[in-house]
């Protein structure tokens, strides 16, 4: 009989050494950035909708919504200039 656990541990060690940590960290950074910008966009949209529906300030609401929609694009543009 063969020792399955020893073989599995050896395969796990080989896979662990072969992992690309730089790519993993880049992927995680991209994911967290996406979540951050999604939360910021939703906050601006909620504030804009509140201004339009309840506060009686439709112009301020539209401006807030537009800022929320275009802020990630502007941030990525300025990040690429660095």
C-alpha atoms as a PDB file:
ATOM      1  CA  UNK A   1       0.000   0.000   0.000  1.00  0.00           C
ATOM      2  CA  UNK A   2       1.083   3.456  -0.702  1.00  0.00           C
ATOM      3  CA  UNK A   3       1.036   6.278   1.808  1.00  0.00           C
ATOM      4  CA  UNK A   4      -1.463   8.759   0.339  1.00  0.00           C
ATOM      5  CA  UNK A   5      -0.813  11.476   2.919  1.00  0.00           C
ATOM      6  CA  UNK A   6       2.918  11.570   2.207  1.00  0.00           C
ATOM      7  CA  UNK A   7       2.310  11.950  -1.501  1.00  0.00           C
ATOM      8  CA  UNK A   8      -0.304  14.641  -0.943  1.00  0.00           C
ATOM      9  CA  UNK A   9       2.003  16.595   1.369  1.00  0.00           C
ATOM     10  CA  UNK A  10       4.803  16.419  -1.205  1.00  0.00           C
ATOM     11  CA  UNK A  11       2.480  17.657  -3.952  1.00  0.00           C
ATOM     12  CA  UNK A  12       1.251  20.443  -1.683  1.00  0.00           C
ATOM     13  CA  UNK A  13       4.822  21.581  -0.974  1.00  0.00           C
ATOM     14  CA  UNK A  14       5.640  21.634  -4.682  1.00  0.00           C
ATOM     15  CA  UNK A  15       2.505  23.649  -5.465  1.00  0.00           C
ATOM     16  CA  UNK A  16       3.200  26.033  -2.581  1.00  0.00           C
ATOM     17  CA  UNK A  17       6.682  26.796  -3.880  1.00  0.00           C
ATOM     18  CA  UNK A  18       5.373  27.331  -7.406  1.00  0.00           C
ATOM     19  CA  UNK A  19       2.735  29.909  -6.438  1.00  0.00           C
ATOM     20  CA  UNK A  20       3.147  33.336  -7.939  1.00  0.00           C
ATOM     21  CA  UNK A  21       2.817  35.594  -4.908  1.00  0.00           C
ATOM     22  CA  UNK A  22       3.362  38.808  -6.840  1.00  0.00           C
ATOM     23  CA  UNK A  23       0.433  38.020  -9.130  1.00  0.00           C
ATOM     24  CA  UNK A  24      -1.686  36.981  -6.141  1.00  0.00           C
ATOM     25  CA  UNK A  25      -1.018  40.299  -4.390  1.00  0.00           C
ATOM     26  CA  UNK A  26      -1.753  42.257  -7.580  1.00  0.00           C
ATOM     27  CA  UNK A  27      -5.065  40.437  -7.995  1.00  0.00           C
ATOM     28  CA  UNK A  28      -6.011  41.069  -4.368  1.00  0.00           C
ATOM     29  CA  UNK A  29      -5.109  44.767  -4.707  1.00  0.00           C
ATOM     30  CA  UNK A  30      -7.312  45.032  -7.792  1.00  0.00           C
ATOM     31  CA  UNK A  31     -10.215  43.329  -6.046  1.00  0.00           C
ATOM     32  CA  UNK A  32     -10.028  45.561  -2.969  1.00  0.00           C
ATOM     33  CA  UNK A  33      -9.744  48.638  -5.169  1.00  0.00           C
ATOM     34  CA  UNK A  34     -12.847  47.574  -7.083  1.00  0.00           C
ATOM     35  CA  UNK A  35     -14.815  47.103  -3.857  1.00  0.00           C
ATOM     36  CA  UNK A  36     -13.626  50.477  -2.525  1.00  0.00           C
ATOM     37  CA  UNK A  37     -14.734  52.328  -5.650  1.00  0.00           C
ATOM     38  CA  UNK A  38     -18.060  50.480  -5.736  1.00  0.00           C
ATOM     39  CA  UNK A  39     -18.809  51.646  -2.186  1.00  0.00           C
ATOM     40  CA  UNK A  40     -17.832  55.217  -3.036  1.00  0.00           C
ATOM     41  CA  UNK A  41     -20.013  55.177  -6.159  1.00  0.00           C
ATOM     42  CA  UNK A  42     -22.996  53.825  -4.254  1.00  0.00           C
ATOM     43  CA  UNK A  43     -22.617  56.501  -1.569  1.00  0.00           C
ATOM     44  CA  UNK A  44     -22.650  59.293  -4.172  1.00  0.00           C
ATOM     45  CA  UNK A  45     -25.628  57.755  -5.961  1.00  0.00           C
ATOM     46  CA  UNK A  46     -27.603  57.411  -2.723  1.00  0.00           C
ATOM     47  CA  UNK A  47     -26.853  61.013  -1.740  1.00  0.00           C
ATOM     48  CA  UNK A  48     -27.758  62.191  -5.235  1.00  0.00           C
ATOM     49  CA  UNK A  49     -31.045  60.298  -5.223  1.00  0.00           C
ATOM     50  CA  UNK A  50     -31.859  61.690  -1.784  1.00  0.00           C
ATOM     51  CA  UNK A  51     -31.247  65.206  -3.061  1.00  0.00           C
ATOM     52  CA  UNK A  52     -33.436  64.626  -6.108  1.00  0.00           C
ATOM     53  CA  UNK A  53     -36.346  62.887  -4.374  1.00  0.00           C
ATOM     54  CA  UNK A  54     -36.569  64.309  -0.845  1.00  0.00           C
ATOM     55  CA  UNK A  55     -34.430  67.433  -0.550  1.00  0.00           C
ATOM     56  CA  UNK A  56     -35.832  69.186  -3.593  1.00  0.00           C
ATOM     57  CA  UNK A  57     -32.411  69.946  -5.056  1.00  0.00           C
ATOM     58  CA  UNK A  58     -32.316  68.090  -8.367  1.00  0.00           C
ATOM     59  CA  UNK A  59     -29.260  69.910  -9.711  1.00  0.00           C
ATOM     60  CA  UNK A  60     -27.183  68.985  -6.654  1.00  0.00           C
ATOM     61  CA  UNK A  61     -28.468  65.412  -6.941  1.00  0.00           C
ATOM     62  CA  UNK A  62     -27.506  65.094 -10.586  1.00  0.00           C
ATOM     63  CA  UNK A  63     -24.061  66.533  -9.858  1.00  0.00           C
ATOM     64  CA  UNK A  64     -23.555  64.055  -7.007  1.00  0.00           C
ATOM     65  CA  UNK A  65     -24.591  61.146  -9.216  1.00  0.00           C
ATOM     66  CA  UNK A  66     -22.264  62.272 -12.011  1.00  0.00           C
ATOM     67  CA  UNK A  67     -19.371  62.635  -9.566  1.00  0.00           C
ATOM     68  CA  UNK A  68     -20.091  59.132  -8.306  1.00  0.00           C
ATOM     69  CA  UNK A  69     -20.110  57.702 -11.797  1.00  0.00           C
ATOM     70  CA  UNK A  70     -17.002  59.467 -13.087  1.00  0.00           C
ATOM     71  CA  UNK A  71     -14.809  59.530  -9.956  1.00  0.00           C
ATOM     72  CA  UNK A  72     -13.249  56.071 -10.599  1.00  0.00           C
ATOM     73  CA  UNK A  73     -12.402  57.057 -14.163  1.00  0.00           C
ATOM     74  CA  UNK A  74     -10.748  60.274 -12.988  1.00  0.00           C
ATOM     75  CA  UNK A  75      -8.877  58.505 -10.215  1.00  0.00           C
ATOM     76  CA  UNK A  76      -7.509  55.874 -12.588  1.00  0.00           C
ATOM     77  CA  UNK A  77      -6.499  58.617 -15.045  1.00  0.00           C
ATOM     78  CA  UNK A  78      -4.582  60.536 -12.374  1.00  0.00           C
ATOM     79  CA  UNK A  79      -3.062  57.314 -11.031  1.00  0.00           C
ATOM     80  CA  UNK A  80      -1.682  56.513 -14.488  1.00  0.00           C
ATOM     81  CA  UNK A  81      -0.039  59.959 -14.671  1.00  0.00           C
ATOM     82  CA  UNK A  82       2.142  59.247 -11.631  1.00  0.00           C
END
